[in-house]
C-alpha atoms as a PDB file:
ATOM      1  CA  MET A   1      60.361  58.753 -44.119  1.00  0.00           C
ATOM      2  CA  GLY A   2      64.056  57.956 -43.751  1.00  0.00           C
ATOM      3  CA  ARG A   3      65.501  56.590 -40.530  1.00  0.00           C
ATOM      4  CA  ARG A   4      67.559  59.715 -39.916  1.00  0.00           C
ATOM      5  CA  HIS A   5      64.583  61.968 -40.424  1.00  0.00           C
ATOM      6  CA  ALA A   6      62.456  59.800 -38.131  1.00  0.00           C
ATOM      7  CA  ALA A   7      65.200  59.849 -35.447  1.00  0.00           C
ATOM      8  CA  ARG A   8      65.350  63.674 -35.588  1.00  0.00           C
ATOM      9  CA  ARG A   9      61.560  63.867 -35.271  1.00  0.00           C
ATOM     10  CA  HIS A  10      61.647  61.495 -32.292  1.00  0.00           C
ATOM     11  CA  ASP A  11      64.422  63.532 -30.676  1.00  0.00           C
ATOM     12  CA  ALA A  12      62.465  66.783 -31.105  1.00  0.00           C
ATOM     13  CA  ALA A  13      59.230  65.176 -29.814  1.00  0.00           C
ATOM     14  CA  ALA A  14      61.033  63.676 -26.791  1.00  0.00           C
ATOM     15  CA  ALA A  15      62.628  67.034 -25.925  1.00  0.00           C
ATOM     16  CA  GLN A  16      59.251  68.763 -26.043  1.00  0.00           C
ATOM     17  CA  ALA A  17      57.582  66.013 -24.008  1.00  0.00           C
ATOM     18  CA  ARG A  18      60.289  66.115 -21.337  1.00  0.00           C
ATOM     19  CA  ARG A  19      59.782  69.867 -20.980  1.00  0.00           C
ATOM     20  CA  GLN A  20      56.139  69.027 -20.189  1.00  0.00           C
ATOM     21  CA  GLY A  21      57.073  66.478 -17.521  1.00  0.00           C
ATOM     22  CA  TYR A  22      56.992  63.234 -19.515  1.00  0.00           C
ATOM     23  CA  SER A  23      59.515  60.422 -19.290  1.00  0.00           C
ATOM     24  CA  CYS A  24      60.482  59.111 -22.713  1.00  0.00           C
ATOM     25  CA  ALA A  25      62.165  55.973 -24.034  1.00  0.00           C
ATOM     26  CA  THR A  26      62.612  54.236 -27.338  1.00  0.00           C
ATOM     27  CA  ASP A  27      61.066  50.769 -27.678  1.00  0.00           C
ATOM     28  CA  ALA A  28      61.119  48.704 -30.875  1.00  0.00           C
ATOM     29  CA  GLY A  29      61.558  51.799 -33.060  1.00  0.00           C
ATOM     30  CA  ALA A  30      58.827  53.727 -31.277  1.00  0.00           C
ATOM     31  CA  LEU A  31      59.148  56.744 -29.014  1.00  0.00           C
ATOM     32  CA  VAL A  32      57.089  56.151 -25.858  1.00  0.00           C
ATOM     33  CA  CYS A  33      56.459  59.061 -23.466  1.00  0.00           C
ATOM     34  CA  THR A  34      54.489  58.725 -20.221  1.00  0.00           C
ATOM     35  CA  ARG A  35      53.551  60.895 -17.271  1.00  0.00           C
ATOM     36  CA  THR A  36      51.345  60.405 -14.276  1.00  0.00           C
ATOM     37  CA  THR A  37      49.540  63.301 -12.592  1.00  0.00           C
ATOM     38  CA  GLY A  38      47.346  62.381  -9.672  1.00  0.00           C
ATOM     39  CA  GLY A  39      45.301  59.385 -10.835  1.00  0.00           C
ATOM     40  CA  LEU A  40      45.788  60.215 -14.551  1.00  0.00           C
ATOM     41  CA  LEU A  41      48.266  58.205 -16.604  1.00  0.00           C
ATOM     42  CA  GLU A  42      49.073  59.584 -20.055  1.00  0.00           C
ATOM     43  CA  GLU A  43      51.035  57.619 -22.659  1.00  0.00           C
ATOM     44  CA  HIS A  44      52.008  58.742 -26.136  1.00  0.00           C
ATOM     45  CA  THR A  45      53.627  56.408 -28.682  1.00  0.00           C
ATOM     46  CA  LEU A  46      55.071  57.700 -31.968  1.00  0.00           C
ATOM     47  CA  ARG A  47      56.070  55.260 -34.628  1.00  0.00           C
ATOM     48  CA  ASP A  48      56.009  55.091 -38.440  1.00  0.00           C
ATOM     49  CA  GLY A  49      54.430  58.534 -38.754  1.00  0.00           C
ATOM     50  CA  LEU A  50      51.542  57.656 -36.395  1.00  0.00           C
ATOM     51  CA  TRP A  51      50.773  59.025 -32.957  1.00  0.00           C
ATOM     52  CA  LEU A  52      48.891  56.799 -30.501  1.00  0.00           C
ATOM     53  CA  ALA A  53      47.775  58.565 -27.304  1.00  0.00           C
ATOM     54  CA  SER A  54      45.879  57.263 -24.297  1.00  0.00           C
ATOM     55  CA  ALA A  55      44.812  58.840 -21.046  1.00  0.00           C
ATOM     56  CA  GLU A  56      43.674  56.529 -18.277  1.00  0.00           C
ATOM     57  CA  SER A  57      42.337  57.619 -14.921  1.00  0.00           C
ATOM     58  CA  ASP A  58      42.418  55.831 -11.571  1.00  0.00           C
ATOM     59  CA  TRP A  59      42.444  52.274 -12.931  1.00  0.00           C
ATOM     60  CA  GLN A  60      44.335  50.967 -15.935  1.00  0.00           C
ATOM     61  CA  PRO A  61      44.201  47.452 -17.365  1.00  0.00           C
ATOM     62  CA  GLU A  62      47.675  45.923 -17.091  1.00  0.00           C
ATOM     63  CA  GLY A  63      49.621  46.421 -20.314  1.00  0.00           C
ATOM     64  CA  TYR A  64      46.844  48.488 -21.915  1.00  0.00           C
ATOM     65  CA  ALA A  65      49.101  50.786 -23.941  1.00  0.00           C
ATOM     66  CA  GLY A  66      51.184  47.865 -25.162  1.00  0.00           C
ATOM     67  CA  LEU A  67      48.076  46.035 -26.297  1.00  0.00           C
ATOM     68  CA  LEU A  68      46.901  49.117 -28.224  1.00  0.00           C
ATOM     69  CA  ALA A  69      50.285  49.490 -29.889  1.00  0.00           C
ATOM     70  CA  HIS A  70      50.258  45.839 -30.830  1.00  0.00           C
ATOM     71  CA  GLN A  71      46.868  46.242 -32.522  1.00  0.00           C
ATOM     72  CA  VAL A  72      48.144  49.233 -34.538  1.00  0.00           C
ATOM     73  CA  TRP A  73      51.658  48.100 -35.427  1.00  0.00           C
ATOM     74  CA  GLY A  74      51.432  44.326 -34.896  1.00  0.00           C
END
């Protein structure tokens, strides 16, 4: 996938996520979108054609999503 194509896909995904109440940012080439509702934290990371999603309720280990992303993408 070319960089321009990936950027367009990230832009479209971010726009859709924001309509659903997520905050999105780009980090190290990945699109990271998060939202918290009550005690539920949702985080979605899109990078290199992969989608990593986690939903954590009430208690979250510090840096959990970052640790998962590191395991997938190094």
